[in-house]
Amino acid sequence: MKNKNISNSEWKIMKVLWETPYITLRQIYEKAGVSEGWSYTTVRTLVTRLVDKEAAAADKSGTNFKYYPLLSENECKNSEVKNFLDKVFDGRKSMLMVSLTKDSNLTVEETKTLMSLIEKIDN
């Protein structure tokens, strides 16, 4: 996935599309816009941006456009993690791991999971 730079507000729209693909703009507004306090126009703008970024698309075959995601949730998450790594840690995964473990209060279960993942890394 190319760097789509999906904003926090756009993420909320994408979550609706992943949860309920092929949904009208009115339905997106009802699921995300109302709870966020957004106007219908704001939701339309966010959806239009996602379509422009090729993160979502519209099925124009019926009387109402039905919007659906073009990118999976995992694709977007992986892209966000890569962007974060590049921006904050110059792409160095080890520095992210140090940051996550150094000043955090990991539970015993989280520590075990992290250690298990580290042991599985192929060198």
PDB file of N, CA and C in Angstrom:
ATOM      1  N   MET A   1       0.831  -1.181   0.000  1.00  0.00           N
ATOM      2  CA  MET A   1       0.000   0.000   0.000  1.00  0.00           C
ATOM      3  C   MET A   1       0.873   1.240   0.000  1.00  0.00           C
ATOM      4  N   LYS A   2       0.571   2.167  -0.852  1.00  0.00           N
ATOM      5  CA  LYS A   2       1.272   3.436  -0.852  1.00  0.00           C
ATOM      6  C   LYS A   2       0.900   4.201   0.405  1.00  0.00           C
ATOM      7  N   ASN A   3       1.706   5.213   0.711  1.00  0.00           N
ATOM      8  CA  ASN A   3       1.426   6.054   1.863  1.00  0.00           C
ATOM      9  C   ASN A   3       0.168   6.865   1.597  1.00  0.00           C
ATOM     10  N   LYS A   4      -0.919   6.488   2.224  1.00  0.00           N
ATOM     11  CA  LYS A   4      -2.204   7.148   2.008  1.00  0.00           C
ATOM     12  C   LYS A   4      -2.439   8.262   3.014  1.00  0.00           C
ATOM     13  N   ASN A   5      -1.667   8.303   4.094  1.00  0.00           N
ATOM     14  CA  ASN A   5      -1.841   9.322   5.124  1.00  0.00           C
ATOM     15  C   ASN A   5      -3.304   9.499   5.512  1.00  0.00           C
ATOM     16  N   ILE A   6      -3.874   8.476   6.045  1.00  0.00           N
ATOM     17  CA  ILE A   6      -5.265   8.514   6.467  1.00  0.00           C
ATOM     18  C   ILE A   6      -5.334   9.218   7.826  1.00  0.00           C
ATOM     19  N   SER A   7      -6.116  10.287   7.891  1.00  0.00           N
ATOM     20  CA  SER A   7      -6.239  11.076   9.122  1.00  0.00           C
ATOM     21  C   SER A   7      -7.048  10.309  10.167  1.00  0.00           C
ATOM     22  N   ASN A   8      -7.022  10.810  11.390  1.00  0.00           N
ATOM     23  CA  ASN A   8      -7.800  10.178  12.467  1.00  0.00           C
ATOM     24  C   ASN A   8      -9.286  10.136  12.132  1.00  0.00           C
ATOM     25  N   SER A   9      -9.807  11.213  11.589  1.00  0.00           N
ATOM     26  CA  SER A   9     -11.226  11.251  11.226  1.00  0.00           C
ATOM     27  C   SER A   9     -11.525  10.268  10.100  1.00  0.00           C
ATOM     28  N   GLU A  10     -10.636  10.181   9.130  1.00  0.00           N
ATOM     29  CA  GLU A  10     -10.817   9.233   8.026  1.00  0.00           C
ATOM     30  C   GLU A  10     -10.767   7.796   8.531  1.00  0.00           C
ATOM     31  N   TRP A  11      -9.947   7.541   9.561  1.00  0.00           N
ATOM     32  CA  TRP A  11      -9.884   6.211  10.163  1.00  0.00           C
ATOM     33  C   TRP A  11     -11.249   5.797  10.698  1.00  0.00           C
ATOM     34  N   LYS A  12     -11.943   6.745  11.298  1.00  0.00           N
ATOM     35  CA  LYS A  12     -13.264   6.438  11.852  1.00  0.00           C
ATOM     36  C   LYS A  12     -14.237   6.046  10.746  1.00  0.00           C
ATOM     37  N   ILE A  13     -14.106   6.698   9.600  1.00  0.00           N
ATOM     38  CA  ILE A  13     -14.948   6.340   8.452  1.00  0.00           C
ATOM     39  C   ILE A  13     -14.546   4.967   7.931  1.00  0.00           C
ATOM     40  N   MET A  14     -13.245   4.701   7.835  1.00  0.00           N
ATOM     41  CA  MET A  14     -12.770   3.398   7.354  1.00  0.00           C
ATOM     42  C   MET A  14     -13.261   2.285   8.272  1.00  0.00           C
ATOM     43  N   LYS A  15     -13.269   2.510   9.570  1.00  0.00           N
ATOM     44  CA  LYS A  15     -13.754   1.481  10.497  1.00  0.00           C
ATOM     45  C   LYS A  15     -15.208   1.134  10.203  1.00  0.00           C
ATOM     46  N   VAL A  16     -15.998   2.140   9.874  1.00  0.00           N
ATOM     47  CA  VAL A  16     -17.399   1.890   9.506  1.00  0.00           C
ATOM     48  C   VAL A  16     -17.452   1.067   8.226  1.00  0.00           C
ATOM     49  N   LEU A  17     -16.616   1.409   7.247  1.00  0.00           N
ATOM     50  CA  LEU A  17     -16.620   0.684   5.964  1.00  0.00           C
ATOM     51  C   LEU A  17     -16.138  -0.752   6.134  1.00  0.00           C
ATOM     52  N   TRP A  18     -15.169  -0.982   7.001  1.00  0.00           N
ATOM     53  CA  TRP A  18     -14.705  -2.354   7.241  1.00  0.00           C
ATOM     54  C   TRP A  18     -15.798  -3.163   7.943  1.00  0.00           C
ATOM     55  N   GLU A  19     -16.500  -2.502   8.844  1.00  0.00           N
ATOM     56  CA  GLU A  19     -17.556  -3.168   9.597  1.00  0.00           C
ATOM     57  C   GLU A  19     -18.784  -3.451   8.723  1.00  0.00           C
ATOM     58  N   THR A  20     -19.127  -2.494   7.862  1.00  0.00           N
ATOM     59  CA  THR A  20     -20.332  -2.601   7.035  1.00  0.00           C
ATOM     60  C   THR A  20     -20.037  -2.089   5.629  1.00  0.00           C
ATOM     61  N   PRO A  21     -19.423  -2.909   4.773  1.00  0.00           N
ATOM     62  CA  PRO A  21     -19.157  -2.447   3.404  1.00  0.00           C
ATOM     63  C   PRO A  21     -20.454  -2.306   2.610  1.00  0.00           C
ATOM     64  N   TYR A  22     -20.362  -1.569   1.528  1.00  0.00           N
ATOM     65  CA  TYR A  22     -21.513  -1.285   0.647  1.00  0.00           C
ATOM     66  C   TYR A  22     -22.608  -0.584   1.439  1.00  0.00           C
ATOM     67  N   ILE A  23     -22.275   0.596   1.876  1.00  0.00           N
ATOM     68  CA  ILE A  23     -23.121   1.396   2.747  1.00  0.00           C
ATOM     69  C   ILE A  23     -23.270   2.793   2.141  1.00  0.00           C
ATOM     70  N   THR A  24     -24.436   3.365   2.293  1.00  0.00           N
ATOM     71  CA  THR A  24     -24.679   4.696   1.720  1.00  0.00           C
ATOM     72  C   THR A  24     -24.028   5.775   2.579  1.00  0.00           C
ATOM     73  N   LEU A  25     -23.893   6.935   1.997  1.00  0.00           N
ATOM     74  CA  LEU A  25     -23.345   8.076   2.721  1.00  0.00           C
ATOM     75  C   LEU A  25     -24.205   8.406   3.939  1.00  0.00           C
ATOM     76  N   ARG A  26     -25.516   8.329   3.784  1.00  0.00           N
ATOM     77  CA  ARG A  26     -26.432   8.586   4.903  1.00  0.00           C
ATOM     78  C   ARG A  26     -26.178   7.592   6.034  1.00  0.00           C
ATOM     79  N   GLN A  27     -25.962   6.327   5.694  1.00  0.00           N
ATOM     80  CA  GLN A  27     -25.704   5.310   6.719  1.00  0.00           C
ATOM     81  C   GLN A  27     -24.352   5.540   7.399  1.00  0.00           C
ATOM     82  N   ILE A  28     -23.352   5.954   6.614  1.00  0.00           N
ATOM     83  CA  ILE A  28     -22.045   6.276   7.210  1.00  0.00           C
ATOM     84  C   ILE A  28     -22.214   7.424   8.197  1.00  0.00           C
ATOM     85  N   TYR A  29     -22.965   8.442   7.782  1.00  0.00           N
ATOM     86  CA  TYR A  29     -23.234   9.576   8.662  1.00  0.00           C
ATOM     87  C   TYR A  29     -23.909   9.114   9.951  1.00  0.00           C
ATOM     88  N   GLU A  30     -24.887   8.256   9.838  1.00  0.00           N
ATOM     89  CA  GLU A  30     -25.612   7.778  11.018  1.00  0.00           C
ATOM     90  C   GLU A  30     -24.729   6.946  11.943  1.00  0.00           C
ATOM     91  N   LYS A  31     -23.785   6.187  11.364  1.00  0.00           N
ATOM     92  CA  LYS A  31     -22.921   5.320  12.173  1.00  0.00           C
ATOM     93  C   LYS A  31     -21.734   6.069  12.778  1.00  0.00           C
ATOM     94  N   ALA A  32     -21.181   7.049  12.060  1.00  0.00           N
ATOM     95  CA  ALA A  32     -19.977   7.724  12.540  1.00  0.00           C
ATOM     96  C   ALA A  32     -20.186   9.208  12.793  1.00  0.00           C
ATOM     97  N   GLY A  33     -20.861   9.857  11.886  1.00  0.00           N
ATOM     98  CA  GLY A  33     -20.993  11.306  11.965  1.00  0.00           C
ATOM     99  C   GLY A  33     -21.752  11.790  13.182  1.00  0.00           C
ATOM    100  N   VAL A  34     -22.872  11.171  13.467  1.00  0.00           N
ATOM    101  CA  VAL A  34     -23.713  11.603  14.590  1.00  0.00           C
ATOM    102  C   VAL A  34     -22.944  11.480  15.898  1.00  0.00           C
ATOM    103  N   SER A  35     -22.318  10.320  16.122  1.00  0.00           N
ATOM    104  CA  SER A  35     -21.603  10.097  17.384  1.00  0.00           C
ATOM    105  C   SER A  35     -20.388  11.012  17.532  1.00  0.00           C
ATOM    106  N   GLU A  36     -19.799  11.419  16.414  1.00  0.00           N
ATOM    107  CA  GLU A  36     -18.637  12.305  16.453  1.00  0.00           C
ATOM    108  C   GLU A  36     -19.035  13.778  16.469  1.00  0.00           C
ATOM    109  N   GLY A  37     -20.312  14.047  16.243  1.00  0.00           N
ATOM    110  CA  GLY A  37     -20.762  15.435  16.189  1.00  0.00           C
ATOM    111  C   GLY A  37     -20.452  16.113  14.866  1.00  0.00           C
ATOM    112  N   TRP A  38     -20.238  15.297  13.821  1.00  0.00           N
ATOM    113  CA  TRP A  38     -19.932  15.843  12.501  1.00  0.00           C
ATOM    114  C   TRP A  38     -21.218  16.134  11.745  1.00  0.00           C
ATOM    115  N   SER A  39     -21.147  17.127  10.874  1.00  0.00           N
ATOM    116  CA  SER A  39     -22.272  17.391   9.982  1.00  0.00           C
ATOM    117  C   SER A  39     -22.240  16.379   8.836  1.00  0.00           C
ATOM    118  N   TYR A  40     -23.343  16.280   8.150  1.00  0.00           N
ATOM    119  CA  TYR A  40     -23.425  15.399   6.975  1.00  0.00           C
ATOM    120  C   TYR A  40     -22.377  15.813   5.950  1.00  0.00           C
ATOM    121  N   THR A  41     -22.184  17.122   5.787  1.00  0.00           N
ATOM    122  CA  THR A  41     -21.196  17.645   4.829  1.00  0.00           C
ATOM    123  C   THR A  41     -19.782  17.205   5.195  1.00  0.00           C
ATOM    124  N   THR A  42     -19.478  17.205   6.482  1.00  0.00           N
ATOM    125  CA  THR A  42     -18.150  16.760   6.931  1.00  0.00           C
ATOM    126  C   THR A  42     -17.937  15.293   6.579  1.00  0.00           C
ATOM    127  N   VAL A  43     -18.932  14.466   6.829  1.00  0.00           N
ATOM    128  CA  VAL A  43     -18.827  13.041   6.492  1.00  0.00           C
ATOM    129  C   VAL A  43     -18.632  12.882   4.986  1.00  0.00           C
ATOM    130  N   ARG A  44     -19.382  13.628   4.194  1.00  0.00           N
ATOM    131  CA  ARG A  44     -19.230  13.550   2.735  1.00  0.00           C
ATOM    132  C   ARG A  44     -17.807  13.926   2.320  1.00  0.00           C
ATOM    133  N   THR A  45     -17.264  14.976   2.934  1.00  0.00           N
ATOM    134  CA  THR A  45     -15.893  15.394   2.634  1.00  0.00           C
ATOM    135  C   THR A  45     -14.894  14.303   2.986  1.00  0.00           C
ATOM    136  N   LEU A  46     -15.045  13.686   4.158  1.00  0.00           N
ATOM    137  CA  LEU A  46     -14.130  12.619   4.579  1.00  0.00           C
ATOM    138  C   LEU A  46     -14.202  11.430   3.628  1.00  0.00           C
ATOM    139  N   VAL A  47     -15.404  11.038   3.245  1.00  0.00           N
ATOM    140  CA  VAL A  47     -15.575   9.914   2.320  1.00  0.00           C
ATOM    141  C   VAL A  47     -14.957  10.261   0.968  1.00  0.00           C
ATOM    142  N   THR A  48     -15.165  11.473   0.491  1.00  0.00           N
ATOM    143  CA  THR A  48     -14.584  11.908  -0.782  1.00  0.00           C
ATOM    144  C   THR A  48     -13.061  11.846  -0.734  1.00  0.00           C
ATOM    145  N   ARG A  49     -12.476  12.263   0.375  1.00  0.00           N
ATOM    146  CA  ARG A  49     -11.016  12.190   0.527  1.00  0.00           C
ATOM    147  C   ARG A  49     -10.528  10.749   0.469  1.00  0.00           C
ATOM    148  N   LEU A  50     -11.250   9.850   1.123  1.00  0.00           N
ATOM    149  CA  LEU A  50     -10.861   8.437   1.102  1.00  0.00           C
ATOM    150  C   LEU A  50     -10.956   7.857  -0.305  1.00  0.00           C
ATOM    151  N   VAL A  51     -11.958   8.258  -1.052  1.00  0.00           N
ATOM    152  CA  VAL A  51     -12.090   7.819  -2.447  1.00  0.00           C
ATOM    153  C   VAL A  51     -10.930   8.395  -3.265  1.00  0.00           C
ATOM    154  N   ASP A  52     -10.610   9.665  -3.064  1.00  0.00           N
ATOM    155  CA  ASP A  52      -9.490  10.295  -3.779  1.00  0.00           C
ATOM    156  C   ASP A  52      -8.158   9.617  -3.463  1.00  0.00           C
ATOM    157  N   LYS A  53      -8.012   9.137  -2.242  1.00  0.00           N
ATOM    158  CA  LYS A  53      -6.789   8.454  -1.810  1.00  0.00           C
ATOM    159  C   LYS A  53      -6.783   6.982  -2.211  1.00  0.00           C
ATOM    160  N   GLU A  54      -7.859   6.536  -2.849  1.00  0.00           N
ATOM    161  CA  GLU A  54      -8.025   5.146  -3.272  1.00  0.00           C
ATOM    162  C   GLU A  54      -8.013   4.174  -2.096  1.00  0.00           C
ATOM    163  N   ALA A  55      -8.502   4.646  -0.954  1.00  0.00           N
ATOM    164  CA  ALA A  55      -8.679   3.787   0.214  1.00  0.00           C
ATOM    165  C   ALA A  55     -10.094   3.222   0.229  1.00  0.00           C
ATOM    166  N   ALA A  56     -11.001   3.919  -0.462  1.00  0.00           N
ATOM    167  CA  ALA A  56     -12.400   3.497  -0.558  1.00  0.00           C
ATOM    168  C   ALA A  56     -12.887   3.786  -1.975  1.00  0.00           C
ATOM    169  N   ALA A  57     -14.028   3.203  -2.296  1.00  0.00           N
ATOM    170  CA  ALA A  57     -14.621   3.420  -3.614  1.00  0.00           C
ATOM    171  C   ALA A  57     -16.134   3.412  -3.476  1.00  0.00           C
ATOM    172  N   ALA A  58     -16.794   3.796  -4.568  1.00  0.00           N
ATOM    173  CA  ALA A  58     -18.255   3.832  -4.565  1.00  0.00           C
ATOM    174  C   ALA A  58     -18.798   2.952  -5.678  1.00  0.00           C
ATOM    175  N   ASP A  59     -19.799   2.155  -5.336  1.00  0.00           N
ATOM    176  CA  ASP A  59     -20.555   1.390  -6.320  1.00  0.00           C
ATOM    177  C   ASP A  59     -21.681   2.311  -6.782  1.00  0.00           C
ATOM    178  N   LYS A  60     -21.619   2.714  -8.038  1.00  0.00           N
ATOM    179  CA  LYS A  60     -22.553   3.705  -8.561  1.00  0.00           C
ATOM    180  C   LYS A  60     -23.674   3.067  -9.372  1.00  0.00           C
ATOM    181  N   SER A  61     -23.876   1.771  -9.214  1.00  0.00           N
ATOM    182  CA  SER A  61     -24.842   1.063 -10.056  1.00  0.00           C
ATOM    183  C   SER A  61     -26.296   1.290  -9.646  1.00  0.00           C
ATOM    184  N   GLY A  62     -26.547   1.651  -8.403  1.00  0.00           N
ATOM    185  CA  GLY A  62     -27.923   1.855  -7.947  1.00  0.00           C
ATOM    186  C   GLY A  62     -28.283   3.327  -7.901  1.00  0.00           C
ATOM    187  N   THR A  63     -29.399   3.611  -7.262  1.00  0.00           N
ATOM    188  CA  THR A  63     -29.827   5.003  -7.146  1.00  0.00           C
ATOM    189  C   THR A  63     -28.993   5.767  -6.125  1.00  0.00           C
ATOM    190  N   ASN A  64     -28.518   5.086  -5.091  1.00  0.00           N
ATOM    191  CA  ASN A  64     -27.629   5.687  -4.095  1.00  0.00           C
ATOM    192  C   ASN A  64     -26.257   5.045  -4.205  1.00  0.00           C
ATOM    193  N   PHE A  65     -25.220   5.860  -4.149  1.00  0.00           N
ATOM    194  CA  PHE A  65     -23.873   5.308  -4.133  1.00  0.00           C
ATOM    195  C   PHE A  65     -23.720   4.469  -2.877  1.00  0.00           C
ATOM    196  N   LYS A  66     -23.025   3.336  -3.022  1.00  0.00           N
ATOM    197  CA  LYS A  66     -22.705   2.475  -1.882  1.00  0.00           C
ATOM    198  C   LYS A  66     -21.180   2.451  -1.774  1.00  0.00           C
ATOM    199  N   TYR A  67     -20.684   2.831  -0.625  1.00  0.00           N
ATOM    200  CA  TYR A  67     -19.244   2.936  -0.414  1.00  0.00           C
ATOM    201  C   TYR A  67     -18.698   1.670   0.239  1.00  0.00           C
ATOM    202  N   TYR A  68     -17.465   1.341  -0.126  1.00  0.00           N
ATOM    203  CA  TYR A  68     -16.812   0.150   0.405  1.00  0.00           C
ATOM    204  C   TYR A  68     -15.305   0.389   0.446  1.00  0.00           C
ATOM    205  N   PRO A  69     -14.594  -0.329   1.317  1.00  0.00           N
ATOM    206  CA  PRO A  69     -13.140  -0.137   1.420  1.00  0.00           C
ATOM    207  C   PRO A  69     -12.415  -0.832   0.269  1.00  0.00           C
ATOM    208  N   LEU A  70     -11.368  -0.201  -0.209  1.00  0.00           N
ATOM    209  CA  LEU A  70     -10.478  -0.837  -1.183  1.00  0.00           C
ATOM    210  C   LEU A  70      -9.273  -1.459  -0.484  1.00  0.00           C
ATOM    211  N   LEU A  71      -8.979  -0.974   0.699  1.00  0.00           N
ATOM    212  CA  LEU A  71      -7.843  -1.459   1.472  1.00  0.00           C
ATOM    213  C   LEU A  71      -8.355  -2.199   2.700  1.00  0.00           C
ATOM    214  N   SER A  72      -7.678  -3.271   3.037  1.00  0.00           N
ATOM    215  CA  SER A  72      -8.063  -4.008   4.244  1.00  0.00           C
ATOM    216  C   SER A  72      -7.576  -3.261   5.480  1.00  0.00           C
ATOM    217  N   GLU A  73      -8.176  -3.614   6.595  1.00  0.00           N
ATOM    218  CA  GLU A  73      -7.763  -3.011   7.859  1.00  0.00           C
ATOM    219  C   GLU A  73      -6.289  -3.309   8.143  1.00  0.00           C
ATOM    220  N   ASN A  74      -5.848  -4.531   7.856  1.00  0.00           N
ATOM    221  CA  ASN A  74      -4.444  -4.886   8.091  1.00  0.00           C
ATOM    222  C   ASN A  74      -3.495  -4.090   7.202  1.00  0.00           C
ATOM    223  N   GLU A  75      -3.879  -3.874   5.942  1.00  0.00           N
ATOM    224  CA  GLU A  75      -3.034  -3.061   5.059  1.00  0.00           C
ATOM    225  C   GLU A  75      -2.861  -1.656   5.628  1.00  0.00           C
ATOM    226  N   CYS A  76      -3.941  -1.089   6.097  1.00  0.00           N
ATOM    227  CA  CYS A  76      -3.882   0.266   6.654  1.00  0.00           C
ATOM    228  C   CYS A  76      -3.074   0.307   7.942  1.00  0.00           C
ATOM    229  N   LYS A  77      -3.272  -0.684   8.798  1.00  0.00           N
ATOM    230  CA  LYS A  77      -2.513  -0.729  10.047  1.00  0.00           C
ATOM    231  C   LYS A  77      -1.015  -0.869   9.775  1.00  0.00           C
ATOM    232  N   ASN A  78      -0.667  -1.771   8.870  1.00  0.00           N
ATOM    233  CA  ASN A  78       0.743  -1.969   8.550  1.00  0.00           C
ATOM    234  C   ASN A  78       1.368  -0.710   7.970  1.00  0.00           C
ATOM    235  N   SER A  79       0.630  -0.018   7.123  1.00  0.00           N
ATOM    236  CA  SER A  79       1.126   1.225   6.546  1.00  0.00           C
ATOM    237  C   SER A  79       1.312   2.290   7.627  1.00  0.00           C
ATOM    238  N   GLU A  80       0.365   2.377   8.541  1.00  0.00           N
ATOM    239  CA  GLU A  80       0.463   3.355   9.632  1.00  0.00           C
ATOM    240  C   GLU A  80       1.674   3.064  10.508  1.00  0.00           C
ATOM    241  N   VAL A  81       1.902   1.786  10.821  1.00  0.00           N
ATOM    242  CA  VAL A  81       3.053   1.417  11.645  1.00  0.00           C
ATOM    243  C   VAL A  81       4.346   1.784  10.925  1.00  0.00           C
ATOM    244  N   LYS A  82       4.422   1.490   9.630  1.00  0.00           N
ATOM    245  CA  LYS A  82       5.624   1.832   8.861  1.00  0.00           C
ATOM    246  C   LYS A  82       5.848   3.339   8.834  1.00  0.00           C
ATOM    247  N   ASN A  83       4.784   4.098   8.611  1.00  0.00           N
ATOM    248  CA  ASN A  83       4.910   5.560   8.596  1.00  0.00           C
ATOM    249  C   ASN A  83       5.395   6.078   9.946  1.00  0.00           C
ATOM    250  N   PHE A  84       4.823   5.511  11.024  1.00  0.00           N
ATOM    251  CA  PHE A  84       5.226   5.907  12.367  1.00  0.00           C
ATOM    252  C   PHE A  84       6.697   5.571  12.613  1.00  0.00           C
ATOM    253  N   LEU A  85       7.085   4.357  12.257  1.00  0.00           N
ATOM    254  CA  LEU A  85       8.488   3.948  12.424  1.00  0.00           C
ATOM    255  C   LEU A  85       9.428   4.872  11.665  1.00  0.00           C
ATOM    256  N   ASP A  86       9.086   5.157  10.425  1.00  0.00           N
ATOM    257  CA  ASP A  86       9.935   6.021   9.600  1.00  0.00           C
ATOM    258  C   ASP A  86      10.026   7.430  10.180  1.00  0.00           C
ATOM    259  N   LYS A  87       8.892   7.959  10.616  1.00  0.00           N
ATOM    260  CA  LYS A  87       8.848   9.340  11.101  1.00  0.00           C
ATOM    261  C   LYS A  87       9.512   9.495  12.464  1.00  0.00           C
ATOM    262  N   VAL A  88       9.212   8.604  13.384  1.00  0.00           N
ATOM    263  CA  VAL A  88       9.641   8.781  14.766  1.00  0.00           C
ATOM    264  C   VAL A  88      10.970   8.079  15.070  1.00  0.00           C
ATOM    265  N   PHE A  89      11.187   6.912  14.474  1.00  0.00           N
ATOM    266  CA  PHE A  89      12.364   6.103  14.814  1.00  0.00           C
ATOM    267  C   PHE A  89      13.294   5.867  13.630  1.00  0.00           C
ATOM    268  N   ASP A  90      13.167   6.682  12.588  1.00  0.00           N
ATOM    269  CA  ASP A  90      13.997   6.539  11.387  1.00  0.00           C
ATOM    270  C   ASP A  90      13.968   5.110  10.843  1.00  0.00           C
ATOM    271  N   GLY A  91      12.828   4.462  10.977  1.00  0.00           N
ATOM    272  CA  GLY A  91      12.659   3.115  10.447  1.00  0.00           C
ATOM    273  C   GLY A  91      13.257   2.013  11.296  1.00  0.00           C
ATOM    274  N   ARG A  92      13.798   2.345  12.455  1.00  0.00           N
ATOM    275  CA  ARG A  92      14.480   1.360  13.298  1.00  0.00           C
ATOM    276  C   ARG A  92      13.505   0.705  14.260  1.00  0.00           C
ATOM    277  N   LYS A  93      13.149  -0.531  13.951  1.00  0.00           N
ATOM    278  CA  LYS A  93      12.189  -1.278  14.771  1.00  0.00           C
ATOM    279  C   LYS A  93      12.704  -1.511  16.182  1.00  0.00           C
ATOM    280  N   SER A  94      13.991  -1.718  16.302  1.00  0.00           N
ATOM    281  CA  SER A  94      14.548  -1.983  17.635  1.00  0.00           C
ATOM    282  C   SER A  94      14.344  -0.783  18.563  1.00  0.00           C
ATOM    283  N   MET A  95      14.414   0.420  18.022  1.00  0.00           N
ATOM    284  CA  MET A  95      14.211   1.602  18.851  1.00  0.00           C
ATOM    285  C   MET A  95      12.755   1.707  19.314  1.00  0.00           C
ATOM    286  N   LEU A  96      11.845   1.271  18.465  1.00  0.00           N
ATOM    287  CA  LEU A  96      10.438   1.227  18.865  1.00  0.00           C
ATOM    288  C   LEU A  96      10.260   0.251  20.022  1.00  0.00           C
ATOM    289  N   MET A  97      10.873  -0.920  19.910  1.00  0.00           N
ATOM    290  CA  MET A  97      10.754  -1.933  20.961  1.00  0.00           C
ATOM    291  C   MET A  97      11.339  -1.412  22.278  1.00  0.00           C
ATOM    292  N   VAL A  98      12.474  -0.728  22.203  1.00  0.00           N
ATOM    293  CA  VAL A  98      13.080  -0.160  23.409  1.00  0.00           C
ATOM    294  C   VAL A  98      12.115   0.843  24.035  1.00  0.00           C
ATOM    295  N   SER A  99      11.533   1.680  23.201  1.00  0.00           N
ATOM    296  CA  SER A  99      10.598   2.683  23.694  1.00  0.00           C
ATOM    297  C   SER A  99       9.359   2.049  24.322  1.00  0.00           C
ATOM    298  N   LEU A 100       8.855   0.993  23.713  1.00  0.00           N
ATOM    299  CA  LEU A 100       7.666   0.320  24.229  1.00  0.00           C
ATOM    300  C   LEU A 100       7.920  -0.352  25.571  1.00  0.00           C
ATOM    301  N   THR A 101       9.121  -0.837  25.770  1.00  0.00           N
ATOM    302  CA  THR A 101       9.403  -1.606  26.985  1.00  0.00           C
ATOM    303  C   THR A 101      10.064  -0.791  28.080  1.00  0.00           C
ATOM    304  N   LYS A 102      10.781   0.245  27.734  1.00  0.00           N
ATOM    305  CA  LYS A 102      11.579   0.988  28.715  1.00  0.00           C
ATOM    306  C   LYS A 102      10.732   1.677  29.785  1.00  0.00           C
ATOM    307  N   ASP A 103       9.790   2.465  29.374  1.00  0.00           N
ATOM    308  CA  ASP A 103       9.031   3.267  30.320  1.00  0.00           C
ATOM    309  C   ASP A 103       7.579   2.829  30.463  1.00  0.00           C
ATOM    310  N   SER A 104       7.297   1.608  30.076  1.00  0.00           N
ATOM    311  CA  SER A 104       5.910   1.156  30.167  1.00  0.00           C
ATOM    312  C   SER A 104       5.762   0.143  31.289  1.00  0.00           C
ATOM    313  N   ASN A 105       4.554  -0.023  31.706  1.00  0.00           N
ATOM    314  CA  ASN A 105       4.244  -1.008  32.744  1.00  0.00           C
ATOM    315  C   ASN A 105       3.587  -2.202  32.074  1.00  0.00           C
ATOM    316  N   LEU A 106       4.401  -3.022  31.425  1.00  0.00           N
ATOM    317  CA  LEU A 106       3.877  -4.210  30.760  1.00  0.00           C
ATOM    318  C   LEU A 106       3.387  -5.208  31.799  1.00  0.00           C
ATOM    319  N   THR A 107       2.271  -5.822  31.496  1.00  0.00           N
ATOM    320  CA  THR A 107       1.787  -6.893  32.367  1.00  0.00           C
ATOM    321  C   THR A 107       2.670  -8.119  32.147  1.00  0.00           C
ATOM    322  N   VAL A 108       2.552  -9.077  33.027  1.00  0.00           N
ATOM    323  CA  VAL A 108       3.307 -10.320  32.887  1.00  0.00           C
ATOM    324  C   VAL A 108       2.950 -10.983  31.554  1.00  0.00           C
ATOM    325  N   GLU A 109       1.658 -10.990  31.226  1.00  0.00           N
ATOM    326  CA  GLU A 109       1.196 -11.603  29.970  1.00  0.00           C
ATOM    327  C   GLU A 109       1.769 -10.877  28.755  1.00  0.00           C
ATOM    328  N   GLU A 110       1.781  -9.533  28.783  1.00  0.00           N
ATOM    329  CA  GLU A 110       2.345  -8.757  27.674  1.00  0.00           C
ATOM    330  C   GLU A 110       3.844  -9.025  27.527  1.00  0.00           C
ATOM    331  N   THR A 111       4.531  -9.134  28.652  1.00  0.00           N
ATOM    332  CA  THR A 111       5.969  -9.427  28.622  1.00  0.00           C
ATOM    333  C   THR A 111       6.226 -10.797  28.004  1.00  0.00           C
ATOM    334  N   LYS A 112       5.434 -11.802  28.397  1.00  0.00           N
ATOM    335  CA  LYS A 112       5.584 -13.148  27.836  1.00  0.00           C
ATOM    336  C   LYS A 112       5.326 -13.140  26.337  1.00  0.00           C
ATOM    337  N   THR A 113       4.283 -12.446  25.924  1.00  0.00           N
ATOM    338  CA  THR A 113       3.954 -12.369  24.497  1.00  0.00           C
ATOM    339  C   THR A 113       5.082 -11.696  23.722  1.00  0.00           C
ATOM    340  N   LEU A 114       5.588 -10.596  24.246  1.00  0.00           N
ATOM    341  CA  LEU A 114       6.684  -9.882  23.593  1.00  0.00           C
ATOM    342  C   LEU A 114       7.928 -10.754  23.489  1.00  0.00           C
ATOM    343  N   MET A 115       8.273 -11.436  24.553  1.00  0.00           N
ATOM    344  CA  MET A 115       9.449 -12.310  24.538  1.00  0.00           C
ATOM    345  C   MET A 115       9.268 -13.450  23.540  1.00  0.00           C
ATOM    346  N   SER A 116       8.060 -13.991  23.473  1.00  0.00           N
ATOM    347  CA  SER A 116       7.772 -15.054  22.523  1.00  0.00           C
ATOM    348  C   SER A 116       7.946 -14.557  21.084  1.00  0.00           C
ATOM    349  N   LEU A 117       7.462 -13.356  20.815  1.00  0.00           N
ATOM    350  CA  LEU A 117       7.605 -12.783  19.468  1.00  0.00           C
ATOM    351  C   LEU A 117       9.072 -12.545  19.114  1.00  0.00           C
ATOM    352  N   ILE A 118       9.829 -12.051  20.074  1.00  0.00           N
ATOM    353  CA  ILE A 118      11.251 -11.791  19.832  1.00  0.00           C
ATOM    354  C   ILE A 118      11.980 -13.095  19.537  1.00  0.00           C
ATOM    355  N   GLU A 119      11.645 -14.162  20.254  1.00  0.00           N
ATOM    356  CA  GLU A 119      12.291 -15.463  20.039  1.00  0.00           C
ATOM    357  C   GLU A 119      11.986 -16.039  18.671  1.00  0.00           C
ATOM    358  N   LYS A 120      10.843 -15.669  18.084  1.00  0.00           N
ATOM    359  CA  LYS A 120      10.447 -16.187  16.783  1.00  0.00           C
ATOM    360  C   LYS A 120      11.057 -15.428  15.605  1.00  0.00           C
ATOM    361  N   ILE A 121      11.717 -14.307  15.872  1.00  0.00           N
ATOM    362  CA  ILE A 121      12.293 -13.502  14.792  1.00  0.00           C
ATOM    363  C   ILE A 121      13.401 -14.296  14.108  1.00  0.00           C
ATOM    364  N   ASP A 122      13.297 -14.363  12.786  1.00  0.00           N
ATOM    365  CA  ASP A 122      14.348 -15.024  12.007  1.00  0.00           C
ATOM    366  C   ASP A 122      15.514 -14.074  11.846  1.00  0.00           C
ATOM    367  N   ASN A 123      16.694 -14.568  12.106  1.00  0.00           N
ATOM    368  CA  ASN A 123      17.904 -13.751  11.948  1.00  0.00           C
ATOM    369  C   ASN A 123      18.492 -13.921  10.583  1.00  0.00           C
TER     370      ASN A 123
END
